[in-house]
Amino acid sequence: MIIYLATNNKHKLEEINEIKPKGFQIKGMFEILKNFEVNEDGKTFIENSIKKAIETGRVLRAPVIADDSGLEIDILNGFPGVYSARFMENKTYIEKMKYILKKLENVPYEKRSARFVCSATYYNPKNNTLFSVEGEIKGYISYSILGKQGFGYDPIFIPEGETLTFGQLGQDAKNKISHRKHAFNKLFSLLLNIPKLEIIS
């Protein structure tokens, strides 16, 4: 069963392929669509996830899954939130993380609480099936950039119950507990409970 992932992020595609159960073949939309972008102007992760799934599905004319995810920091009123990938545009994630750490300078660990949130959506343009789910993982922002594994903000996020960042824990450990794992587990569970013909027809 082939489903396209509405992303140009190869790291995200690799991560979801590690998460998916047997029987699903997930391909990146970039394998077919070149330079295709969806304007992510929603005010919530769910809104952006739905928009990406619908617009990509209609262009591909095939079943699509999409996600929107980001980092929410409590003491910064949820910043960067839905702008996680887009604030400080054209800057690297190293620069973005340094900016965040500067804003949290002198903030004690117990007040550095944060969460990664992921909203995942399935859309089939052939029968107009659409549903979304959400997952999250809570944790804290580290005092410095630690580790070189993962991507995005992984090197400054320490999951609850851990002493290392996602950047230090590595992809295998992250895939067992991440926000994306929680969201896509729910999404694939729903797909597995829908008759196969309804998913692909």
Protein backbone atom coordinates (compact mmCIF):
# COMPACT_ATOMS: atom_id res chain seq x y z
CA MET A 1 0.00 0.00 0.00
CA ILE A 2 1.70 3.21 -1.20
CA ILE A 3 0.98 6.47 0.61
CA TYR A 4 2.80 9.71 -0.12
CA LEU A 5 4.19 11.91 2.61
CA ALA A 6 3.61 15.62 2.02
CA THR A 7 7.11 16.82 2.78
CA ASN A 8 10.36 17.85 1.15
CA ASN A 9 12.21 16.91 4.34
CA LYS A 10 14.11 13.65 3.75
CA HIS A 11 14.89 13.33 7.48
CA LYS A 12 11.16 13.35 8.25
CA LEU A 13 10.52 10.70 5.58
CA GLU A 14 13.23 8.47 7.04
CA GLU A 15 11.82 8.91 10.55
CA ILE A 16 8.27 8.00 9.55
CA ASN A 17 9.48 4.98 7.58
CA GLU A 18 11.14 3.78 10.79
CA ILE A 19 7.85 4.24 12.65
CA LYS A 20 5.36 2.77 10.15
CA PRO A 21 4.01 -0.78 10.57
CA LYS A 22 4.42 -3.50 7.95
CA GLY A 23 2.22 -3.25 4.92
CA PHE A 24 2.69 0.46 4.28
CA GLN A 25 5.08 1.93 1.75
CA ILE A 26 5.71 5.61 2.41
CA LYS A 27 7.20 7.74 -0.35
CA GLY A 28 8.11 11.42 -0.28
CA MET A 29 6.09 13.74 -2.49
CA PHE A 30 9.40 15.13 -3.74
CA GLU A 31 9.89 11.89 -5.68
CA ILE A 32 7.14 13.08 -8.03
CA LEU A 33 6.57 16.78 -7.37
CA LYS A 34 9.54 19.09 -7.86
CA ASN A 35 9.67 22.40 -6.01
CA PHE A 36 6.12 21.97 -4.72
CA GLU A 37 5.41 23.91 -1.54
CA VAL A 38 2.28 24.47 0.53
CA ASN A 39 1.89 27.84 2.22
CA GLU A 40 1.66 26.86 5.89
CA ASP A 41 -0.35 29.82 7.13
CA GLY A 42 -2.50 27.99 9.69
CA LYS A 43 -2.63 29.13 13.30
CA THR A 44 -2.35 25.58 14.65
CA PHE A 45 -0.39 22.43 13.83
CA ILE A 46 -3.65 20.68 12.91
CA GLU A 47 -4.62 23.40 10.42
CA ASN A 48 -1.25 23.23 8.68
CA SER A 49 -1.26 19.44 8.64
CA ILE A 50 -4.71 19.30 7.04
CA LYS A 51 -3.82 21.97 4.48
CA LYS A 52 -0.65 20.14 3.44
CA ALA A 53 -2.48 16.82 3.11
CA ILE A 54 -5.37 18.19 1.07
CA GLU A 55 -3.34 20.35 -1.31
CA THR A 56 -0.73 17.65 -1.90
CA GLY A 57 -3.33 14.90 -2.28
CA ARG A 58 -5.27 16.86 -4.87
CA VAL A 59 -2.15 17.47 -6.95
CA LEU A 60 -0.92 13.87 -6.69
CA ARG A 61 -4.44 12.40 -6.97
CA ALA A 62 -3.31 9.78 -4.48
CA PRO A 63 -3.58 9.07 -0.72
CA VAL A 64 -1.37 11.35 1.32
CA ILE A 65 -0.23 11.68 4.92
CA ALA A 66 1.09 14.96 6.23
CA ASP A 67 2.29 16.33 9.50
CA ASP A 68 3.06 19.65 11.06
CA SER A 69 5.19 19.68 14.13
CA GLY A 70 7.16 22.01 16.30
CA LEU A 71 8.60 22.99 19.64
CA GLU A 72 6.57 24.85 22.27
CA ILE A 73 8.43 26.44 25.20
CA ASP A 74 6.23 27.27 28.17
CA ILE A 75 8.08 30.29 29.55
CA LEU A 76 8.11 31.80 26.03
CA ASN A 77 4.31 31.42 25.75
CA GLY A 78 4.59 28.49 23.34
CA PHE A 79 7.21 30.06 21.07
CA PRO A 80 8.33 29.08 18.44
CA GLY A 81 5.26 26.82 18.03
CA VAL A 82 3.85 26.70 14.49
CA TYR A 83 6.73 28.94 13.40
CA SER A 84 9.37 26.43 14.51
CA ALA A 85 10.58 25.78 10.97
CA ARG A 86 9.96 29.28 9.62
CA PHE A 87 11.12 31.85 12.16
CA MET A 88 14.55 33.32 11.38
CA GLU A 89 13.99 32.25 7.79
CA ASN A 90 17.13 31.36 5.86
CA LYS A 91 19.02 30.81 9.12
CA THR A 92 20.36 27.41 10.18
CA TYR A 93 18.91 25.43 13.08
CA ILE A 94 22.16 26.03 14.94
CA GLU A 95 21.48 29.76 14.72
CA LYS A 96 17.85 29.26 15.73
CA MET A 97 18.85 27.16 18.74
CA LYS A 98 21.41 29.75 19.81
CA TYR A 99 18.70 32.40 19.62
CA ILE A 100 16.38 30.33 21.82
CA LEU A 101 19.12 29.57 24.34
CA LYS A 102 19.92 33.28 24.53
CA LYS A 103 16.27 34.03 25.34
CA LEU A 104 16.41 31.40 28.12
CA GLU A 105 19.68 32.66 29.55
CA ASN A 106 19.62 32.48 33.37
CA VAL A 107 16.27 30.59 33.37
CA PRO A 108 16.53 27.67 35.85
CA TYR A 109 16.03 24.13 34.57
CA GLU A 110 12.65 23.60 36.25
CA LYS A 111 11.28 26.59 34.31
CA ARG A 112 12.64 25.44 30.95
CA SER A 113 9.72 23.08 30.33
CA ALA A 114 8.73 22.47 26.72
CA ARG A 115 7.07 19.99 24.43
CA PHE A 116 7.37 18.73 20.90
CA VAL A 117 3.95 18.51 19.21
CA CYS A 118 3.04 16.63 16.03
CA SER A 119 -0.28 16.75 14.18
CA ALA A 120 -0.65 14.04 11.54
CA THR A 121 -3.32 13.88 8.83
CA TYR A 122 -4.43 11.29 6.28
CA TYR A 123 -6.26 12.43 3.15
CA ASN A 124 -7.53 10.40 0.20
CA PRO A 125 -8.78 12.64 -2.63
CA LYS A 126 -10.42 9.68 -4.38
CA ASN A 127 -13.08 9.25 -1.72
CA ASN A 128 -12.55 12.44 0.30
CA THR A 129 -11.52 10.57 3.46
CA LEU A 130 -9.82 12.87 5.97
CA PHE A 131 -8.79 12.50 9.60
CA SER A 132 -6.16 13.95 11.92
CA VAL A 133 -4.52 12.97 15.20
CA GLU A 134 -2.00 14.60 17.51
CA GLY A 135 0.92 13.42 19.64
CA GLU A 136 3.35 15.15 21.96
CA ILE A 137 6.31 14.55 24.21
CA LYS A 138 7.16 16.74 27.16
CA GLY A 139 10.62 17.70 28.28
CA TYR A 140 13.00 20.54 28.98
CA ILE A 141 15.33 22.84 27.05
CA SER A 142 19.01 22.17 27.72
CA TYR A 143 21.51 24.89 28.58
CA SER A 144 23.55 24.29 25.44
CA ILE A 145 23.47 22.53 22.07
CA LEU A 146 24.27 18.88 22.76
CA GLY A 147 24.64 16.03 20.29
CA LYS A 148 24.76 15.86 16.52
CA GLN A 149 22.12 13.24 15.80
CA GLY A 150 18.54 13.84 14.74
CA PHE A 151 17.53 17.14 13.15
CA GLY A 152 15.83 20.43 13.91
CA TYR A 153 15.76 21.26 17.62
CA ASP A 154 16.75 17.76 18.77
CA PRO A 155 20.09 18.94 20.26
CA ILE A 156 18.39 21.24 22.82
CA PHE A 157 15.42 19.07 23.84
CA ILE A 158 15.72 16.70 26.81
CA PRO A 159 12.69 14.35 27.05
CA GLU A 160 11.07 13.84 30.46
CA GLY A 161 12.82 11.07 32.34
CA GLU A 162 16.05 11.45 30.36
CA THR A 163 19.29 13.32 31.01
CA LEU A 164 20.38 13.54 27.36
CA THR A 165 18.97 15.51 24.43
CA PHE A 166 17.42 13.85 21.39
CA GLY A 167 20.61 14.89 19.63
CA GLN A 168 22.60 12.72 22.03
CA LEU A 169 20.12 9.84 22.39
CA GLY A 170 20.08 9.15 18.66
CA GLN A 171 17.38 8.27 16.15
CA ASP A 172 16.55 4.78 17.41
CA ALA A 173 15.86 6.03 20.93
CA LYS A 174 13.93 9.04 19.62
CA ASN A 175 11.71 6.91 17.39
CA LYS A 176 10.48 4.96 20.42
CA ILE A 177 9.19 7.99 22.34
CA SER A 178 8.92 11.00 20.02
CA HIS A 179 5.91 13.21 19.35
CA ARG A 180 5.95 11.94 15.76
CA LYS A 181 5.94 8.34 17.01
CA HIS A 182 2.88 9.01 19.19
CA ALA A 183 0.99 10.81 16.41
CA PHE A 184 1.75 8.36 13.61
CA ASN A 185 1.08 5.34 15.81
CA LYS A 186 -2.44 6.71 16.22
CA LEU A 187 -2.74 7.50 12.52
CA PHE A 188 -1.55 4.09 11.31
CA SER A 189 -3.77 2.39 13.88
CA LEU A 190 -6.78 4.16 12.37
CA LEU A 191 -5.68 3.22 8.85
CA LEU A 192 -5.29 -0.43 9.82
CA ASN A 193 -8.89 -0.44 11.01
CA ILE A 194 -10.29 0.93 7.77
CA PRO A 195 -11.08 -1.62 5.02
CA LYS A 196 -8.21 -1.61 2.53
CA LEU A 197 -10.42 -0.67 -0.43
CA GLU A 198 -11.59 2.45 1.40
CA ILE A 199 -7.98 3.53 1.97
CA ILE A 200 -6.80 3.21 -1.61
CA SER A 201 -9.95 3.47 -3.77
